[in-house]
Amino acid sequence: MSGDHSTGRTPRLEDPLLEEYWDWVAVALFLWLAVDLLTSLSAAATVGLEAELNPLMAWLLARHLAVVVAAHLAIAVAVAGLFAVLFARAQAVPRRFQWAVQVGIEGFLGTLVAVGLFAFANNMTVIVFGQGLF
């Protein structure tokens, strides 16, 4: 049985580390939702909706702005909830496996940020050059 015998608690991810993870979740959500939405709207205004590669985003951009904003807010709440569950489960992992959990979380967050940056770059090439990277 693992745990901190002085307090009876199972070791947890350190609070500063969790705060940093939440910071990176915020960065990923900002890239995936706000930046992607604004650059997708600009790209659609430049070359039209048919240039949007993501069929869900193309469908969404054809709707009223209130629907677009509501969908993005719902996604933000859902993703934040999923990360809250992930972080709670990660804290329950025994100390000897914490490093693997940390590597997994950091790799996942890094991938989300990288894909968000790539989507931003692709949308910017559509805005500037009239066509995407693909």
N, C-alpha and C. Protein backbone atom coordinates (compact mmCIF):
# COMPACT_ATOMS: atom_id res chain seq x y z
N MET A 1 0.84 -1.17 0.00
CA MET A 1 0.00 0.00 0.00
C MET A 1 0.89 1.24 0.00
N SER A 2 0.66 2.10 -0.97
CA SER A 2 1.47 3.31 -1.03
C SER A 2 0.72 4.44 -0.35
N GLY A 3 1.45 5.47 0.00
CA GLY A 3 0.82 6.63 0.60
C GLY A 3 1.75 7.28 1.59
N ASP A 4 1.40 8.47 1.94
CA ASP A 4 2.15 9.21 2.94
C ASP A 4 1.60 8.79 4.30
N HIS A 5 2.37 8.00 5.02
CA HIS A 5 1.88 7.42 6.26
C HIS A 5 1.71 8.46 7.36
N SER A 6 2.37 9.60 7.25
CA SER A 6 2.23 10.62 8.29
C SER A 6 0.88 11.32 8.21
N THR A 7 0.31 11.43 7.01
CA THR A 7 -0.98 12.09 6.86
C THR A 7 -2.08 11.14 6.42
N GLY A 8 -1.70 9.94 5.99
CA GLY A 8 -2.68 8.98 5.51
C GLY A 8 -3.15 9.27 4.10
N ARG A 9 -2.52 10.23 3.42
CA ARG A 9 -2.92 10.59 2.06
C ARG A 9 -2.06 9.87 1.04
N THR A 10 -2.65 9.60 -0.10
CA THR A 10 -1.90 9.09 -1.23
C THR A 10 -1.13 10.26 -1.84
N PRO A 11 0.14 10.08 -2.21
CA PRO A 11 0.89 11.17 -2.83
C PRO A 11 0.16 11.68 -4.07
N ARG A 12 0.22 12.98 -4.28
CA ARG A 12 -0.46 13.60 -5.41
C ARG A 12 0.52 14.41 -6.24
N LEU A 13 0.10 14.69 -7.47
CA LEU A 13 0.88 15.63 -8.26
C LEU A 13 0.95 16.94 -7.48
N GLU A 14 2.08 17.58 -7.54
CA GLU A 14 2.26 18.83 -6.80
C GLU A 14 1.33 19.92 -7.34
N ASP A 15 0.82 20.75 -6.46
CA ASP A 15 -0.09 21.82 -6.87
C ASP A 15 0.51 22.77 -7.90
N PRO A 16 1.79 23.20 -7.75
CA PRO A 16 2.35 24.07 -8.79
C PRO A 16 2.38 23.40 -10.17
N LEU A 17 2.61 22.10 -10.19
CA LEU A 17 2.62 21.37 -11.46
C LEU A 17 1.21 21.35 -12.06
N LEU A 18 0.20 21.12 -11.24
CA LEU A 18 -1.17 21.15 -11.73
C LEU A 18 -1.55 22.54 -12.23
N GLU A 19 -1.11 23.56 -11.53
CA GLU A 19 -1.38 24.93 -11.99
C GLU A 19 -0.74 25.18 -13.35
N GLU A 20 0.47 24.66 -13.53
CA GLU A 20 1.13 24.81 -14.83
C GLU A 20 0.37 24.05 -15.91
N TYR A 21 -0.10 22.85 -15.58
CA TYR A 21 -0.89 22.09 -16.55
C TYR A 21 -2.16 22.86 -16.92
N TRP A 22 -2.84 23.46 -15.95
CA TRP A 22 -4.03 24.25 -16.26
C TRP A 22 -3.69 25.46 -17.12
N ASP A 23 -2.51 26.04 -16.90
CA ASP A 23 -2.07 27.15 -17.77
C ASP A 23 -1.95 26.67 -19.21
N TRP A 24 -1.39 25.48 -19.41
CA TRP A 24 -1.23 24.95 -20.76
C TRP A 24 -2.56 24.53 -21.37
N VAL A 25 -3.50 24.07 -20.54
CA VAL A 25 -4.85 23.80 -21.03
C VAL A 25 -5.47 25.11 -21.54
N ALA A 26 -5.27 26.19 -20.79
CA ALA A 26 -5.79 27.50 -21.22
C ALA A 26 -5.17 27.94 -22.54
N VAL A 27 -3.87 27.72 -22.70
CA VAL A 27 -3.19 28.07 -23.95
C VAL A 27 -3.77 27.25 -25.10
N ALA A 28 -3.92 25.95 -24.88
CA ALA A 28 -4.47 25.08 -25.93
C ALA A 28 -5.89 25.49 -26.30
N LEU A 29 -6.73 25.75 -25.30
CA LEU A 29 -8.10 26.18 -25.58
C LEU A 29 -8.13 27.52 -26.32
N PHE A 30 -7.26 28.43 -25.93
CA PHE A 30 -7.18 29.72 -26.62
C PHE A 30 -6.82 29.52 -28.09
N LEU A 31 -5.83 28.67 -28.35
CA LEU A 31 -5.43 28.41 -29.74
C LEU A 31 -6.53 27.70 -30.51
N TRP A 32 -7.09 26.65 -29.91
CA TRP A 32 -8.06 25.81 -30.60
C TRP A 32 -9.41 26.50 -30.78
N LEU A 33 -9.76 27.37 -29.86
CA LEU A 33 -11.09 27.99 -29.94
C LEU A 33 -11.02 29.43 -30.43
N ALA A 34 -10.41 30.30 -29.68
CA ALA A 34 -10.43 31.73 -30.04
C ALA A 34 -9.62 32.02 -31.29
N VAL A 35 -8.35 31.62 -31.30
CA VAL A 35 -7.48 31.93 -32.44
C VAL A 35 -7.96 31.22 -33.69
N ASP A 36 -8.30 29.94 -33.58
CA ASP A 36 -8.76 29.20 -34.75
C ASP A 36 -10.07 29.78 -35.28
N LEU A 37 -10.97 30.15 -34.38
CA LEU A 37 -12.24 30.72 -34.82
C LEU A 37 -12.02 32.04 -35.56
N LEU A 38 -11.24 32.93 -34.97
CA LEU A 38 -11.02 34.23 -35.61
C LEU A 38 -10.29 34.11 -36.95
N THR A 39 -9.27 33.26 -37.00
CA THR A 39 -8.55 33.10 -38.27
C THR A 39 -9.39 32.33 -39.29
N SER A 40 -10.22 31.39 -38.83
CA SER A 40 -11.12 30.68 -39.76
C SER A 40 -12.15 31.63 -40.34
N LEU A 41 -12.70 32.52 -39.50
CA LEU A 41 -13.64 33.52 -40.01
C LEU A 41 -12.98 34.43 -41.04
N SER A 42 -11.75 34.85 -40.75
CA SER A 42 -11.02 35.70 -41.70
C SER A 42 -10.71 34.95 -42.99
N ALA A 43 -10.30 33.70 -42.87
CA ALA A 43 -10.00 32.90 -44.06
C ALA A 43 -11.26 32.68 -44.89
N ALA A 44 -12.39 32.41 -44.22
CA ALA A 44 -13.65 32.21 -44.94
C ALA A 44 -14.07 33.49 -45.66
N ALA A 45 -13.83 34.63 -45.03
CA ALA A 45 -14.15 35.90 -45.67
C ALA A 45 -13.24 36.16 -46.87
N THR A 46 -12.01 35.64 -46.81
CA THR A 46 -11.04 35.86 -47.88
C THR A 46 -11.29 34.94 -49.07
N VAL A 47 -11.46 33.64 -48.82
CA VAL A 47 -11.55 32.68 -49.93
C VAL A 47 -12.86 31.90 -49.96
N GLY A 48 -13.71 32.06 -48.96
CA GLY A 48 -14.98 31.34 -48.93
C GLY A 48 -14.93 30.11 -48.04
N LEU A 49 -16.11 29.63 -47.66
CA LEU A 49 -16.21 28.48 -46.76
C LEU A 49 -15.71 27.18 -47.37
N GLU A 50 -15.74 27.08 -48.68
CA GLU A 50 -15.31 25.83 -49.33
C GLU A 50 -13.83 25.54 -49.10
N ALA A 51 -13.06 26.52 -48.71
CA ALA A 51 -11.63 26.30 -48.45
C ALA A 51 -11.38 25.72 -47.06
N GLU A 52 -12.40 25.72 -46.19
CA GLU A 52 -12.24 25.18 -44.83
C GLU A 52 -12.08 23.66 -44.90
N LEU A 53 -10.95 23.16 -44.41
CA LEU A 53 -10.66 21.72 -44.45
C LEU A 53 -11.44 20.93 -43.42
N ASN A 54 -11.73 21.52 -42.29
CA ASN A 54 -12.45 20.84 -41.22
C ASN A 54 -13.95 20.90 -41.52
N PRO A 55 -14.58 19.76 -41.82
CA PRO A 55 -16.01 19.80 -42.18
C PRO A 55 -16.91 20.30 -41.05
N LEU A 56 -16.54 20.03 -39.80
CA LEU A 56 -17.34 20.53 -38.68
C LEU A 56 -17.25 22.05 -38.58
N MET A 57 -16.06 22.58 -38.78
CA MET A 57 -15.90 24.04 -38.74
C MET A 57 -16.60 24.68 -39.93
N ALA A 58 -16.52 24.06 -41.10
CA ALA A 58 -17.21 24.60 -42.28
C ALA A 58 -18.72 24.65 -42.03
N TRP A 59 -19.26 23.57 -41.45
CA TRP A 59 -20.69 23.54 -41.13
C TRP A 59 -21.03 24.63 -40.13
N LEU A 60 -20.19 24.75 -39.10
CA LEU A 60 -20.44 25.71 -38.03
C LEU A 60 -20.36 27.15 -38.54
N LEU A 61 -19.38 27.43 -39.39
CA LEU A 61 -19.21 28.79 -39.91
C LEU A 61 -20.38 29.23 -40.79
N ALA A 62 -21.13 28.26 -41.32
CA ALA A 62 -22.29 28.60 -42.14
C ALA A 62 -23.51 28.95 -41.29
N ARG A 63 -23.41 28.79 -39.97
CA ARG A 63 -24.51 29.07 -39.05
C ARG A 63 -24.42 30.51 -38.53
N HIS A 64 -25.46 30.88 -37.80
CA HIS A 64 -25.51 32.20 -37.16
C HIS A 64 -24.37 32.32 -36.15
N LEU A 65 -23.87 33.53 -35.97
CA LEU A 65 -22.74 33.76 -35.07
C LEU A 65 -23.03 33.30 -33.64
N ALA A 66 -24.27 33.44 -33.19
CA ALA A 66 -24.63 33.00 -31.84
C ALA A 66 -24.45 31.48 -31.69
N VAL A 67 -24.75 30.73 -32.73
CA VAL A 67 -24.56 29.28 -32.71
C VAL A 67 -23.07 28.95 -32.64
N VAL A 68 -22.28 29.68 -33.40
CA VAL A 68 -20.83 29.46 -33.41
C VAL A 68 -20.25 29.72 -32.02
N VAL A 69 -20.63 30.84 -31.43
CA VAL A 69 -20.12 31.19 -30.09
C VAL A 69 -20.59 30.18 -29.05
N ALA A 70 -21.86 29.80 -29.10
CA ALA A 70 -22.40 28.82 -28.14
C ALA A 70 -21.69 27.48 -28.27
N ALA A 71 -21.43 27.05 -29.49
CA ALA A 71 -20.72 25.78 -29.70
C ALA A 71 -19.31 25.85 -29.13
N HIS A 72 -18.63 26.96 -29.36
CA HIS A 72 -17.26 27.10 -28.83
C HIS A 72 -17.24 27.16 -27.30
N LEU A 73 -18.22 27.83 -26.71
CA LEU A 73 -18.30 27.86 -25.25
C LEU A 73 -18.59 26.47 -24.69
N ALA A 74 -19.48 25.73 -25.34
CA ALA A 74 -19.78 24.37 -24.90
C ALA A 74 -18.55 23.48 -24.99
N ILE A 75 -17.79 23.63 -26.05
CA ILE A 75 -16.55 22.85 -26.21
C ILE A 75 -15.56 23.22 -25.11
N ALA A 76 -15.43 24.50 -24.81
CA ALA A 76 -14.50 24.93 -23.76
C ALA A 76 -14.87 24.32 -22.41
N VAL A 77 -16.16 24.33 -22.08
CA VAL A 77 -16.62 23.76 -20.81
C VAL A 77 -16.38 22.25 -20.80
N ALA A 78 -16.70 21.57 -21.90
CA ALA A 78 -16.51 20.12 -21.96
C ALA A 78 -15.04 19.75 -21.83
N VAL A 79 -14.17 20.45 -22.54
CA VAL A 79 -12.74 20.15 -22.48
C VAL A 79 -12.18 20.43 -21.08
N ALA A 80 -12.58 21.54 -20.48
CA ALA A 80 -12.13 21.83 -19.11
C ALA A 80 -12.60 20.75 -18.15
N GLY A 81 -13.82 20.29 -18.32
CA GLY A 81 -14.33 19.20 -17.48
C GLY A 81 -13.55 17.91 -17.66
N LEU A 82 -13.23 17.59 -18.91
CA LEU A 82 -12.45 16.37 -19.18
C LEU A 82 -11.05 16.47 -18.58
N PHE A 83 -10.43 17.64 -18.68
CA PHE A 83 -9.10 17.80 -18.08
C PHE A 83 -9.19 17.74 -16.55
N ALA A 84 -10.26 18.25 -15.97
CA ALA A 84 -10.42 18.16 -14.51
C ALA A 84 -10.49 16.70 -14.08
N VAL A 85 -11.22 15.89 -14.84
CA VAL A 85 -11.29 14.45 -14.55
C VAL A 85 -9.91 13.81 -14.75
N LEU A 86 -9.24 14.14 -15.84
CA LEU A 86 -7.91 13.58 -16.11
C LEU A 86 -6.94 13.92 -14.98
N PHE A 87 -6.93 15.17 -14.55
CA PHE A 87 -6.00 15.58 -13.50
C PHE A 87 -6.36 14.93 -12.16
N ALA A 88 -7.65 14.76 -11.89
CA ALA A 88 -8.05 14.08 -10.65
C ALA A 88 -7.60 12.62 -10.67
N ARG A 89 -7.76 11.97 -11.81
CA ARG A 89 -7.31 10.57 -11.94
C ARG A 89 -5.79 10.49 -11.85
N ALA A 90 -5.10 11.46 -12.42
CA ALA A 90 -3.64 11.46 -12.39
C ALA A 90 -3.13 11.60 -10.96
N GLN A 91 -3.86 12.32 -10.14
CA GLN A 91 -3.44 12.49 -8.75
C GLN A 91 -3.61 11.21 -7.94
N ALA A 92 -4.44 10.30 -8.41
CA ALA A 92 -4.66 9.05 -7.69
C ALA A 92 -3.63 7.97 -8.03
N VAL A 93 -2.78 8.25 -8.99
CA VAL A 93 -1.77 7.28 -9.42
C VAL A 93 -0.68 7.18 -8.34
N PRO A 94 -0.23 5.98 -8.02
CA PRO A 94 0.85 5.83 -7.03
C PRO A 94 2.10 6.62 -7.44
N ARG A 95 2.84 7.06 -6.43
CA ARG A 95 4.01 7.91 -6.65
C ARG A 95 4.99 7.29 -7.66
N ARG A 96 5.19 5.99 -7.63
CA ARG A 96 6.18 5.38 -8.51
C ARG A 96 5.80 5.49 -9.99
N PHE A 97 4.54 5.78 -10.28
CA PHE A 97 4.10 5.94 -11.67
C PHE A 97 3.86 7.40 -12.04
N GLN A 98 4.08 8.31 -11.11
CA GLN A 98 3.81 9.73 -11.36
C GLN A 98 4.61 10.27 -12.55
N TRP A 99 5.86 9.86 -12.68
CA TRP A 99 6.68 10.38 -13.79
C TRP A 99 6.06 10.01 -15.13
N ALA A 100 5.53 8.79 -15.26
CA ALA A 100 4.92 8.37 -16.52
C ALA A 100 3.66 9.18 -16.81
N VAL A 101 2.88 9.42 -15.77
CA VAL A 101 1.67 10.23 -15.93
C VAL A 101 2.04 11.65 -16.34
N GLN A 102 3.08 12.20 -15.70
CA GLN A 102 3.51 13.56 -16.04
C GLN A 102 3.99 13.64 -17.49
N VAL A 103 4.77 12.66 -17.92
CA VAL A 103 5.24 12.64 -19.31
C VAL A 103 4.05 12.55 -20.27
N GLY A 104 3.09 11.70 -19.95
CA GLY A 104 1.91 11.56 -20.80
C GLY A 104 1.10 12.84 -20.89
N ILE A 105 0.85 13.47 -19.75
CA ILE A 105 0.08 14.71 -19.74
C ILE A 105 0.82 15.81 -20.49
N GLU A 106 2.12 15.93 -20.22
CA GLU A 106 2.90 16.98 -20.88
C GLU A 106 2.99 16.74 -22.39
N GLY A 107 3.13 15.49 -22.80
CA GLY A 107 3.15 15.18 -24.23
C GLY A 107 1.82 15.49 -24.89
N PHE A 108 0.73 15.15 -24.21
CA PHE A 108 -0.61 15.41 -24.74
C PHE A 108 -0.86 16.91 -24.86
N LEU A 109 -0.53 17.65 -23.80
CA LEU A 109 -0.71 19.11 -23.85
C LEU A 109 0.18 19.75 -24.91
N GLY A 110 1.42 19.27 -25.02
CA GLY A 110 2.32 19.79 -26.05
C GLY A 110 1.79 19.54 -27.45
N THR A 111 1.21 18.36 -27.66
CA THR A 111 0.63 18.03 -28.96
C THR A 111 -0.56 18.94 -29.26
N LEU A 112 -1.42 19.16 -28.27
CA LEU A 112 -2.57 20.05 -28.47
C LEU A 112 -2.13 21.46 -28.85
N VAL A 113 -1.12 21.97 -28.16
CA VAL A 113 -0.61 23.31 -28.46
C VAL A 113 0.02 23.35 -29.85
N ALA A 114 0.80 22.32 -30.19
CA ALA A 114 1.45 22.28 -31.51
C ALA A 114 0.42 22.23 -32.64
N VAL A 115 -0.61 21.42 -32.48
CA VAL A 115 -1.65 21.34 -33.51
C VAL A 115 -2.41 22.66 -33.60
N GLY A 116 -2.66 23.31 -32.47
CA GLY A 116 -3.30 24.62 -32.49
C GLY A 116 -2.46 25.66 -33.22
N LEU A 117 -1.15 25.62 -33.00
CA LEU A 117 -0.25 26.54 -33.71
C LEU A 117 -0.22 26.23 -35.20
N PHE A 118 -0.27 24.95 -35.56
CA PHE A 118 -0.29 24.58 -36.97
C PHE A 118 -1.57 25.06 -37.63
N ALA A 119 -2.71 24.90 -36.95
CA ALA A 119 -3.98 25.38 -37.50
C ALA A 119 -3.94 26.89 -37.71
N PHE A 120 -3.35 27.60 -36.75
CA PHE A 120 -3.19 29.04 -36.88
C PHE A 120 -2.33 29.37 -38.10
N ALA A 121 -1.20 28.68 -38.25
CA ALA A 121 -0.32 28.93 -39.40
C ALA A 121 -1.03 28.64 -40.71
N ASN A 122 -1.79 27.55 -40.76
CA ASN A 122 -2.52 27.20 -41.97
C ASN A 122 -3.56 28.28 -42.30
N ASN A 123 -4.31 28.71 -41.31
CA ASN A 123 -5.31 29.75 -41.55
C ASN A 123 -4.66 31.06 -42.00
N MET A 124 -3.51 31.38 -41.44
CA MET A 124 -2.82 32.61 -41.84
C MET A 124 -2.34 32.52 -43.29
N THR A 125 -1.89 31.34 -43.73
CA THR A 125 -1.47 31.22 -45.13
C THR A 125 -2.67 31.36 -46.06
N VAL A 126 -3.84 30.90 -45.61
CA VAL A 126 -5.05 31.10 -46.42
C VAL A 126 -5.37 32.58 -46.51
N ILE A 127 -5.27 33.29 -45.40
CA ILE A 127 -5.58 34.72 -45.38
C ILE A 127 -4.59 35.50 -46.24
N VAL A 128 -3.31 35.19 -46.12
CA VAL A 128 -2.27 35.97 -46.82
C VAL A 128 -2.12 35.54 -48.27
N PHE A 129 -2.08 34.22 -48.53
CA PHE A 129 -1.78 33.73 -49.87
C PHE A 129 -2.99 33.18 -50.62
N GLY A 130 -4.13 33.07 -49.96
CA GLY A 130 -5.32 32.58 -50.64
C GLY A 130 -5.44 31.08 -50.70
N GLN A 131 -4.49 30.36 -50.13
CA GLN A 131 -4.57 28.89 -50.07
C GLN A 131 -3.82 28.40 -48.84
N GLY A 132 -4.26 27.23 -48.36
CA GLY A 132 -3.65 26.66 -47.16
C GLY A 132 -2.38 25.90 -47.45
N LEU A 133 -1.85 25.30 -46.40
CA LEU A 133 -0.61 24.54 -46.53
C LEU A 133 -0.83 23.20 -47.22
N PHE A 134 -2.07 22.77 -47.37
CA PHE A 134 -2.36 21.48 -48.03
C PHE A 134 -2.91 21.71 -49.40
